[in-house]
């Protein structure tokens, strides 16, 4: 999923505000540094997601038979291959 920088900033503000409002959360740093860490985490997660989607789409397109994008077979293959890519990431951790 692609998000604009403004949307990522907005999300990071909302998350940092929610954390600051939670009495069980204590910041070891100032609010803006926490927000910037949240922003970086969101951007990193989105880049990983884009890489996974790209790898899955390339894998489907590399099949010998032509699978039309958006069809039921494409969707089934996408879900299957996407799950495999996520499992690979989990096994690396």
PDB file of N, CA and C in Angstrom:
ATOM      1  N   UNK A   1       0.847  -1.160   0.000  1.00  0.00           N
ATOM      2  CA  UNK A   1       0.000   0.000   0.000  1.00  0.00           C
ATOM      3  C   UNK A   1       0.902   1.235   0.000  1.00  0.00           C
ATOM      4  N   UNK A   2       0.569   2.170  -0.833  1.00  0.00           N
ATOM      5  CA  UNK A   2       1.348   3.397  -0.897  1.00  0.00           C
ATOM      6  C   UNK A   2       0.627   4.500  -0.137  1.00  0.00           C
ATOM      7  N   UNK A   3       1.381   5.174   0.695  1.00  0.00           N
ATOM      8  CA  UNK A   3       0.858   6.304   1.439  1.00  0.00           C
ATOM      9  C   UNK A   3       1.746   7.513   1.170  1.00  0.00           C
ATOM     10  N   UNK A   4       1.133   8.667   1.119  1.00  0.00           N
ATOM     11  CA  UNK A   4       1.909   9.887   0.921  1.00  0.00           C
ATOM     12  C   UNK A   4       2.675  10.215   2.203  1.00  0.00           C
ATOM     13  N   UNK A   5       3.688  11.066   2.074  1.00  0.00           N
ATOM     14  CA  UNK A   5       4.433  11.501   3.248  1.00  0.00           C
ATOM     15  C   UNK A   5       3.523  12.201   4.248  1.00  0.00           C
ATOM     16  N   UNK A   6       2.582  12.980   3.730  1.00  0.00           N
ATOM     17  CA  UNK A   6       1.648  13.666   4.628  1.00  0.00           C
ATOM     18  C   UNK A   6       0.813  12.676   5.427  1.00  0.00           C
ATOM     19  N   UNK A   7       0.367  11.604   4.778  1.00  0.00           N
ATOM     20  CA  UNK A   7      -0.447  10.597   5.467  1.00  0.00           C
ATOM     21  C   UNK A   7       0.393   9.852   6.505  1.00  0.00           C
ATOM     22  N   UNK A   8       1.637   9.534   6.173  1.00  0.00           N
ATOM     23  CA  UNK A   8       2.519   8.862   7.132  1.00  0.00           C
ATOM     24  C   UNK A   8       2.772   9.775   8.330  1.00  0.00           C
ATOM     25  N   UNK A   9       3.004  11.069   8.067  1.00  0.00           N
ATOM     26  CA  UNK A   9       3.191  12.027   9.168  1.00  0.00           C
ATOM     27  C   UNK A   9       1.955  12.106  10.041  1.00  0.00           C
ATOM     28  N   UNK A  10       0.794  12.145   9.412  1.00  0.00           N
ATOM     29  CA  UNK A  10      -0.453  12.212  10.163  1.00  0.00           C
ATOM     30  C   UNK A  10      -0.621  10.977  11.051  1.00  0.00           C
ATOM     31  N   UNK A  11      -0.351   9.812  10.497  1.00  0.00           N
ATOM     32  CA  UNK A  11      -0.447   8.576  11.277  1.00  0.00           C
ATOM     33  C   UNK A  11       0.547   8.576  12.439  1.00  0.00           C
ATOM     34  N   UNK A  12       1.762   9.044  12.182  1.00  0.00           N
ATOM     35  CA  UNK A  12       2.767   9.058  13.246  1.00  0.00           C
ATOM     36  C   UNK A  12       2.342  10.008  14.365  1.00  0.00           C
ATOM     37  N   UNK A  13       1.726  11.139  14.027  1.00  0.00           N
ATOM     38  CA  UNK A  13       1.204  12.061  15.041  1.00  0.00           C
ATOM     39  C   UNK A  13       0.115  11.384  15.866  1.00  0.00           C
ATOM     40  N   UNK A  14      -0.803  10.711  15.194  1.00  0.00           N
ATOM     41  CA  UNK A  14      -1.909  10.065  15.897  1.00  0.00           C
ATOM     42  C   UNK A  14      -1.406   8.977  16.845  1.00  0.00           C
ATOM     43  N   UNK A  15      -0.442   8.193  16.384  1.00  0.00           N
ATOM     44  CA  UNK A  15       0.094   7.109  17.217  1.00  0.00           C
ATOM     45  C   UNK A  15       0.861   7.677  18.403  1.00  0.00           C
ATOM     46  N   UNK A  16       1.714   8.673  18.157  1.00  0.00           N
ATOM     47  CA  UNK A  16       2.473   9.285  19.250  1.00  0.00           C
ATOM     48  C   UNK A  16       1.541   9.949  20.261  1.00  0.00           C
ATOM     49  N   UNK A  17       0.488  10.607  19.768  1.00  0.00           N
ATOM     50  CA  UNK A  17      -0.494  11.217  20.669  1.00  0.00           C
ATOM     51  C   UNK A  17      -1.198  10.162  21.514  1.00  0.00           C
ATOM     52  N   UNK A  18      -1.570   9.056  20.897  1.00  0.00           N
ATOM     53  CA  UNK A  18      -2.249   7.985  21.636  1.00  0.00           C
ATOM     54  C   UNK A  18      -1.324   7.388  22.698  1.00  0.00           C
ATOM     55  N   UNK A  19      -0.055   7.224  22.357  1.00  0.00           N
ATOM     56  CA  UNK A  19       0.904   6.715  23.340  1.00  0.00           C
ATOM     57  C   UNK A  19       1.097   7.702  24.489  1.00  0.00           C
ATOM     58  N   UNK A  20       1.190   8.992  24.168  1.00  0.00           N
ATOM     59  CA  UNK A  20       1.379  10.009  25.202  1.00  0.00           C
ATOM     60  C   UNK A  20       0.171  10.090  26.131  1.00  0.00           C
ATOM     61  N   UNK A  21      -1.012   9.815  25.599  1.00  0.00           N
ATOM     62  CA  UNK A  21      -2.230   9.882  26.405  1.00  0.00           C
ATOM     63  C   UNK A  21      -2.401   8.663  27.311  1.00  0.00           C
ATOM     64  N   UNK A  22      -1.690   7.589  27.009  1.00  0.00           N
ATOM     65  CA  UNK A  22      -1.793   6.358  27.795  1.00  0.00           C
ATOM     66  C   UNK A  22      -0.931   6.486  29.055  1.00  0.00           C
ATOM     67  N   UNK A  23      -1.572   6.391  30.222  1.00  0.00           N
ATOM     68  CA  UNK A  23      -0.852   6.548  31.484  1.00  0.00           C
ATOM     69  C   UNK A  23       0.167   5.447  31.735  1.00  0.00           C
ATOM     70  N   UNK A  24      -0.001   4.305  31.102  1.00  0.00           N
ATOM     71  CA  UNK A  24       0.934   3.200  31.328  1.00  0.00           C
ATOM     72  C   UNK A  24       2.192   3.313  30.456  1.00  0.00           C
ATOM     73  N   UNK A  25       2.228   4.310  29.569  1.00  0.00           N
ATOM     74  CA  UNK A  25       3.381   4.506  28.682  1.00  0.00           C
ATOM     75  C   UNK A  25       4.170   5.725  29.156  1.00  0.00           C
ATOM     76  N   UNK A  26       5.467   5.528  29.362  1.00  0.00           N
ATOM     77  CA  UNK A  26       6.353   6.629  29.739  1.00  0.00           C
ATOM     78  C   UNK A  26       7.406   6.786  28.650  1.00  0.00           C
ATOM     79  N   UNK A  27       7.546   7.991  28.125  1.00  0.00           N
ATOM     80  CA  UNK A  27       8.547   8.263  27.098  1.00  0.00           C
ATOM     81  C   UNK A  27       9.904   8.498  27.746  1.00  0.00           C
ATOM     82  N   UNK A  28      10.936   7.862  27.215  1.00  0.00           N
ATOM     83  CA  UNK A  28      12.302   8.122  27.658  1.00  0.00           C
ATOM     84  C   UNK A  28      12.918   9.261  26.864  1.00  0.00           C
ATOM     85  N   UNK A  29      12.225   9.698  25.852  1.00  0.00           N
ATOM     86  CA  UNK A  29      12.687  10.770  24.986  1.00  0.00           C
ATOM     87  C   UNK A  29      11.527  11.730  24.754  1.00  0.00           C
ATOM     88  N   UNK A  30      11.790  12.824  24.066  1.00  0.00           N
ATOM     89  CA  UNK A  30      10.713  13.783  23.832  1.00  0.00           C
ATOM     90  C   UNK A  30       9.722  13.232  22.808  1.00  0.00           C
ATOM     91  N   UNK A  31       8.540  13.827  22.796  1.00  0.00           N
ATOM     92  CA  UNK A  31       7.433  13.361  21.963  1.00  0.00           C
ATOM     93  C   UNK A  31       7.820  13.309  20.488  1.00  0.00           C
ATOM     94  N   UNK A  32       8.518  14.320  19.987  1.00  0.00           N
ATOM     95  CA  UNK A  32       8.847  14.370  18.565  1.00  0.00           C
ATOM     96  C   UNK A  32       9.799  13.241  18.164  1.00  0.00           C
ATOM     97  N   UNK A  33      10.750  12.901  19.024  1.00  0.00           N
ATOM     98  CA  UNK A  33      11.654  11.788  18.695  1.00  0.00           C
ATOM     99  C   UNK A  33      10.885  10.472  18.639  1.00  0.00           C
ATOM    100  N   UNK A  34       9.937  10.302  19.532  1.00  0.00           N
ATOM    101  CA  UNK A  34       9.089   9.103  19.504  1.00  0.00           C
ATOM    102  C   UNK A  34       8.296   9.086  18.209  1.00  0.00           C
ATOM    103  N   UNK A  35       7.717  10.235  17.857  1.00  0.00           N
ATOM    104  CA  UNK A  35       6.944  10.326  16.620  1.00  0.00           C
ATOM    105  C   UNK A  35       7.800  10.000  15.405  1.00  0.00           C
ATOM    106  N   UNK A  36       9.031  10.483  15.390  1.00  0.00           N
ATOM    107  CA  UNK A  36       9.925  10.197  14.263  1.00  0.00           C
ATOM    108  C   UNK A  36      10.270   8.705  14.186  1.00  0.00           C
ATOM    109  N   UNK A  37      10.420   8.071  15.326  1.00  0.00           N
ATOM    110  CA  UNK A  37      10.661   6.610  15.334  1.00  0.00           C
ATOM    111  C   UNK A  37       9.451   5.857  14.791  1.00  0.00           C
ATOM    112  N   UNK A  38       8.267   6.307  15.180  1.00  0.00           N
ATOM    113  CA  UNK A  38       7.039   5.693  14.669  1.00  0.00           C
ATOM    114  C   UNK A  38       6.957   5.892  13.165  1.00  0.00           C
ATOM    115  N   UNK A  39       7.269   7.102  12.700  1.00  0.00           N
ATOM    116  CA  UNK A  39       7.231   7.408  11.271  1.00  0.00           C
ATOM    117  C   UNK A  39       8.198   6.509  10.499  1.00  0.00           C
ATOM    118  N   UNK A  40       9.391   6.345  11.040  1.00  0.00           N
ATOM    119  CA  UNK A  40      10.398   5.492  10.398  1.00  0.00           C
ATOM    120  C   UNK A  40       9.918   4.042  10.336  1.00  0.00           C
ATOM    121  N   UNK A  41       9.285   3.581  11.419  1.00  0.00           N
ATOM    122  CA  UNK A  41       8.784   2.203  11.455  1.00  0.00           C
ATOM    123  C   UNK A  41       7.681   1.996  10.414  1.00  0.00           C
ATOM    124  N   UNK A  42       6.797   2.969  10.280  1.00  0.00           N
ATOM    125  CA  UNK A  42       5.728   2.870   9.279  1.00  0.00           C
ATOM    126  C   UNK A  42       6.325   2.827   7.877  1.00  0.00           C
ATOM    127  N   UNK A  43       7.262   3.724   7.600  1.00  0.00           N
ATOM    128  CA  UNK A  43       7.881   3.782   6.270  1.00  0.00           C
ATOM    129  C   UNK A  43       8.624   2.484   5.951  1.00  0.00           C
ATOM    130  N   UNK A  44       9.319   1.933   6.928  1.00  0.00           N
ATOM    131  CA  UNK A  44      10.040   0.670   6.732  1.00  0.00           C
ATOM    132  C   UNK A  44       9.072  -0.470   6.438  1.00  0.00           C
ATOM    133  N   UNK A  45       7.987  -0.531   7.202  1.00  0.00           N
ATOM    134  CA  UNK A  45       6.993  -1.586   6.989  1.00  0.00           C
ATOM    135  C   UNK A  45       6.357  -1.476   5.610  1.00  0.00           C
ATOM    136  N   UNK A  46       6.093  -0.257   5.165  1.00  0.00           N
ATOM    137  CA  UNK A  46       5.497  -0.059   3.840  1.00  0.00           C
ATOM    138  C   UNK A  46       6.464  -0.456   2.732  1.00  0.00           C
ATOM    139  N   UNK A  47       7.747  -0.163   2.914  1.00  0.00           N
ATOM    140  CA  UNK A  47       8.744  -0.575   1.909  1.00  0.00           C
ATOM    141  C   UNK A  47       8.832  -2.097   1.821  1.00  0.00           C
ATOM    142  N   UNK A  48       8.814  -2.761   2.969  1.00  0.00           N
ATOM    143  CA  UNK A  48       8.840  -4.228   2.978  1.00  0.00           C
ATOM    144  C   UNK A  48       7.599  -4.793   2.295  1.00  0.00           C
ATOM    145  N   UNK A  49       6.453  -4.192   2.577  1.00  0.00           N
ATOM    146  CA  UNK A  49       5.196  -4.638   1.966  1.00  0.00           C
ATOM    147  C   UNK A  49       5.263  -4.493   0.447  1.00  0.00           C
ATOM    148  N   UNK A  50       5.763  -3.355  -0.029  1.00  0.00           N
ATOM    149  CA  UNK A  50       5.881  -3.137  -1.472  1.00  0.00           C
ATOM    150  C   UNK A  50       6.825  -4.154  -2.108  1.00  0.00           C
ATOM    151  N   UNK A  51       7.919  -4.481  -1.423  1.00  0.00           N
ATOM    152  CA  UNK A  51       8.871  -5.462  -1.945  1.00  0.00           C
ATOM    153  C   UNK A  51       8.227  -6.843  -2.036  1.00  0.00           C
ATOM    154  N   UNK A  52       7.446  -7.199  -1.034  1.00  0.00           N
ATOM    155  CA  UNK A  52       6.773  -8.500  -1.040  1.00  0.00           C
ATOM    156  C   UNK A  52       5.762  -8.565  -2.175  1.00  0.00           C
ATOM    157  N   UNK A  53       4.948  -7.530  -2.318  1.00  0.00           N
ATOM    158  CA  UNK A  53       3.930  -7.505  -3.375  1.00  0.00           C
ATOM    159  C   UNK A  53       4.601  -7.589  -4.740  1.00  0.00           C
ATOM    160  N   UNK A  54       5.690  -6.857  -4.926  1.00  0.00           N
ATOM    161  CA  UNK A  54       6.412  -6.886  -6.192  1.00  0.00           C
ATOM    162  C   UNK A  54       6.967  -8.282  -6.479  1.00  0.00           C
ATOM    163  N   UNK A  55       7.553  -8.916  -5.466  1.00  0.00           N
ATOM    164  CA  UNK A  55       8.105 -10.266  -5.640  1.00  0.00           C
ATOM    165  C   UNK A  55       7.006 -11.261  -5.995  1.00  0.00           C
ATOM    166  N   UNK A  56       5.859 -11.147  -5.344  1.00  0.00           N
ATOM    167  CA  UNK A  56       4.742 -12.058  -5.606  1.00  0.00           C
ATOM    168  C   UNK A  56       4.216 -11.854  -7.027  1.00  0.00           C
ATOM    169  N   UNK A  57       4.036 -10.591  -7.418  1.00  0.00           N
ATOM    170  CA  UNK A  57       3.542 -10.317  -8.775  1.00  0.00           C
ATOM    171  C   UNK A  57       4.524 -10.825  -9.828  1.00  0.00           C
ATOM    172  N   UNK A  58       5.814 -10.625  -9.601  1.00  0.00           N
ATOM    173  CA  UNK A  58       6.825 -11.123 -10.545  1.00  0.00           C
ATOM    174  C   UNK A  58       6.800 -12.646 -10.619  1.00  0.00           C
ATOM    175  N   UNK A  59       6.589 -13.275  -9.475  1.00  0.00           N
ATOM    176  CA  UNK A  59       6.539 -14.739  -9.453  1.00  0.00           C
ATOM    177  C   UNK A  59       5.347 -15.244 -10.264  1.00  0.00           C
ATOM    178  N   UNK A  60       4.207 -14.602 -10.135  1.00  0.00           N
ATOM    179  CA  UNK A  60       3.026 -15.018 -10.891  1.00  0.00           C
ATOM    180  C   UNK A  60       3.247 -14.779 -12.384  1.00  0.00           C
ATOM    181  N   UNK A  61       3.808 -13.622 -12.722  1.00  0.00           N
ATOM    182  CA  UNK A  61       4.042 -13.306 -14.141  1.00  0.00           C
ATOM    183  C   UNK A  61       5.073 -14.224 -14.781  1.00  0.00           C
ATOM    184  N   UNK A  62       5.953 -14.830 -13.972  1.00  0.00           N
ATOM    185  CA  UNK A  62       6.985 -15.693 -14.527  1.00  0.00           C
ATOM    186  C   UNK A  62       6.498 -17.125 -14.791  1.00  0.00           C
ATOM    187  N   UNK A  63       5.263 -17.421 -14.438  1.00  0.00           N
ATOM    188  CA  UNK A  63       4.721 -18.755 -14.706  1.00  0.00           C
ATOM    189  C   UNK A  63       4.639 -18.985 -16.210  1.00  0.00           C
ATOM    190  N   UNK A  64       4.751 -20.232 -16.608  1.00  0.00           N
ATOM    191  CA  UNK A  64       4.707 -20.562 -18.041  1.00  0.00           C
ATOM    192  C   UNK A  64       3.354 -20.222 -18.668  1.00  0.00           C
ATOM    193  N   UNK A  65       2.310 -20.432 -17.926  1.00  0.00           N
ATOM    194  CA  UNK A  65       0.988 -20.110 -18.466  1.00  0.00           C
ATOM    195  C   UNK A  65       0.651 -18.666 -18.110  1.00  0.00           C
ATOM    196  N   UNK A  66      -0.158 -18.060 -18.917  1.00  0.00           N
ATOM    197  CA  UNK A  66      -0.560 -16.680 -18.701  1.00  0.00           C
ATOM    198  C   UNK A  66      -1.727 -16.638 -17.724  1.00  0.00           C
ATOM    199  N   UNK A  67      -1.509 -16.018 -16.584  1.00  0.00           N
ATOM    200  CA  UNK A  67      -2.560 -15.873 -15.582  1.00  0.00           C
ATOM    201  C   UNK A  67      -3.030 -14.424 -15.628  1.00  0.00           C
ATOM    202  N   UNK A  68      -4.285 -14.193 -16.014  1.00  0.00           N
ATOM    203  CA  UNK A  68      -4.764 -12.811 -16.109  1.00  0.00           C
ATOM    204  C   UNK A  68      -4.842 -12.154 -14.731  1.00  0.00           C
ATOM    205  N   UNK A  69      -4.251 -10.949 -14.655  1.00  0.00           N
ATOM    206  CA  UNK A  69      -4.249 -10.213 -13.398  1.00  0.00           C
ATOM    207  C   UNK A  69      -5.667  -9.826 -13.004  1.00  0.00           C
ATOM    208  N   UNK A  70      -5.975 -10.026 -11.725  1.00  0.00           N
ATOM    209  CA  UNK A  70      -7.285  -9.669 -11.205  1.00  0.00           C
ATOM    210  C   UNK A  70      -8.303 -10.793 -11.263  1.00  0.00           C
ATOM    211  N   UNK A  71      -7.970 -11.870 -11.954  1.00  0.00           N
ATOM    212  CA  UNK A  71      -8.891 -12.999 -12.030  1.00  0.00           C
ATOM    213  C   UNK A  71      -8.817 -13.857 -10.786  1.00  0.00           C
ATOM    214  N   UNK A  72      -9.708 -14.829 -10.687  1.00  0.00           N
ATOM    215  CA  UNK A  72      -9.734 -15.681  -9.491  1.00  0.00           C
ATOM    216  C   UNK A  72      -8.452 -16.496  -9.315  1.00  0.00           C
ATOM    217  N   UNK A  73      -7.868 -16.946 -10.435  1.00  0.00           N
ATOM    218  CA  UNK A  73      -6.627 -17.715 -10.317  1.00  0.00           C
ATOM    219  C   UNK A  73      -5.494 -16.814  -9.825  1.00  0.00           C
ATOM    220  N   UNK A  74      -5.425 -15.582 -10.359  1.00  0.00           N
ATOM    221  CA  UNK A  74      -4.406 -14.632  -9.915  1.00  0.00           C
ATOM    222  C   UNK A  74      -4.545 -14.376  -8.409  1.00  0.00           C
ATOM    223  N   UNK A  75      -5.781 -14.153  -7.978  1.00  0.00           N
ATOM    224  CA  UNK A  75      -6.024 -13.860  -6.564  1.00  0.00           C
ATOM    225  C   UNK A  75      -5.609 -15.034  -5.679  1.00  0.00           C
ATOM    226  N   UNK A  76      -5.927 -16.245  -6.097  1.00  0.00           N
ATOM    227  CA  UNK A  76      -5.563 -17.428  -5.311  1.00  0.00           C
ATOM    228  C   UNK A  76      -4.048 -17.583  -5.256  1.00  0.00           C
ATOM    229  N   UNK A  77      -3.385 -17.436  -6.406  1.00  0.00           N
ATOM    230  CA  UNK A  77      -1.928 -17.531  -6.429  1.00  0.00           C
ATOM    231  C   UNK A  77      -1.298 -16.422  -5.594  1.00  0.00           C
ATOM    232  N   UNK A  78      -1.845 -15.216  -5.698  1.00  0.00           N
ATOM    233  CA  UNK A  78      -1.310 -14.085  -4.938  1.00  0.00           C
ATOM    234  C   UNK A  78      -1.379 -14.368  -3.439  1.00  0.00           C
ATOM    235  N   UNK A  79      -2.540 -14.827  -2.964  1.00  0.00           N
ATOM    236  CA  UNK A  79      -2.689 -15.131  -1.535  1.00  0.00           C
ATOM    237  C   UNK A  79      -1.705 -16.207  -1.103  1.00  0.00           C
ATOM    238  N   UNK A  80      -1.567 -17.241  -1.922  1.00  0.00           N
ATOM    239  CA  UNK A  80      -0.673 -18.346  -1.599  1.00  0.00           C
ATOM    240  C   UNK A  80       0.780 -17.877  -1.546  1.00  0.00           C
ATOM    241  N   UNK A  81       1.227 -17.207  -2.601  1.00  0.00           N
ATOM    242  CA  UNK A  81       2.616 -16.750  -2.670  1.00  0.00           C
ATOM    243  C   UNK A  81       2.908 -15.671  -1.631  1.00  0.00           C
ATOM    244  N   UNK A  82       1.931 -14.807  -1.368  1.00  0.00           N
ATOM    245  CA  UNK A  82       2.099 -13.767  -0.358  1.00  0.00           C
ATOM    246  C   UNK A  82       2.319 -14.415   1.016  1.00  0.00           C
ATOM    247  N   UNK A  83       1.520 -15.421   1.314  1.00  0.00           N
ATOM    248  CA  UNK A  83       1.680 -16.148   2.577  1.00  0.00           C
ATOM    249  C   UNK A  83       3.050 -16.786   2.690  1.00  0.00           C
ATOM    250  N   UNK A  84       3.540 -17.341   1.587  1.00  0.00           N
ATOM    251  CA  UNK A  84       4.871 -17.941   1.588  1.00  0.00           C
ATOM    252  C   UNK A  84       5.954 -16.895   1.859  1.00  0.00           C
ATOM    253  N   UNK A  85       5.821 -15.720   1.259  1.00  0.00           N
ATOM    254  CA  UNK A  85       6.801 -14.651   1.471  1.00  0.00           C
ATOM    255  C   UNK A  85       6.780 -14.165   2.921  1.00  0.00           C
ATOM    256  N   UNK A  86       5.598 -14.056   3.492  1.00  0.00           N
ATOM    257  CA  UNK A  86       5.486 -13.648   4.897  1.00  0.00           C
ATOM    258  C   UNK A  86       6.111 -14.706   5.799  1.00  0.00           C
ATOM    259  N   UNK A  87       5.871 -15.971   5.497  1.00  0.00           N
ATOM    260  CA  UNK A  87       6.469 -17.051   6.287  1.00  0.00           C
ATOM    261  C   UNK A  87       7.994 -17.003   6.215  1.00  0.00           C
ATOM    262  N   UNK A  88       8.539 -16.662   5.038  1.00  0.00           N
ATOM    263  CA  UNK A  88       9.989 -16.530   4.905  1.00  0.00           C
ATOM    264  C   UNK A  88      10.513 -15.436   5.826  1.00  0.00           C
ATOM    265  N   UNK A  89       9.812 -14.313   5.881  1.00  0.00           N
ATOM    266  CA  UNK A  89      10.237 -13.223   6.751  1.00  0.00           C
ATOM    267  C   UNK A  89      10.173 -13.633   8.219  1.00  0.00           C
ATOM    268  N   UNK A  90       9.140 -14.349   8.601  1.00  0.00           N
ATOM    269  CA  UNK A  90       9.012 -14.789   9.986  1.00  0.00           C
ATOM    270  C   UNK A  90      10.114 -15.763  10.369  1.00  0.00           C
ATOM    271  N   UNK A  91      10.535 -16.591   9.438  1.00  0.00           N
ATOM    272  CA  UNK A  91      11.574 -17.577   9.754  1.00  0.00           C
ATOM    273  C   UNK A  91      12.943 -16.922   9.876  1.00  0.00           C
ATOM    274  N   UNK A  92      13.120 -15.751   9.258  1.00  0.00           N
ATOM    275  CA  UNK A  92      14.401 -15.041   9.348  1.00  0.00           C
ATOM    276  C   UNK A  92      14.576 -14.448  10.735  1.00  0.00           C
ATOM    277  N   UNK A  93      13.522 -13.974  11.331  1.00  0.00           N
ATOM    278  CA  UNK A  93      13.602 -13.365  12.654  1.00  0.00           C
ATOM    279  C   UNK A  93      13.994 -14.396  13.624  1.00  0.00           C
TER     280      UNK A  93
END
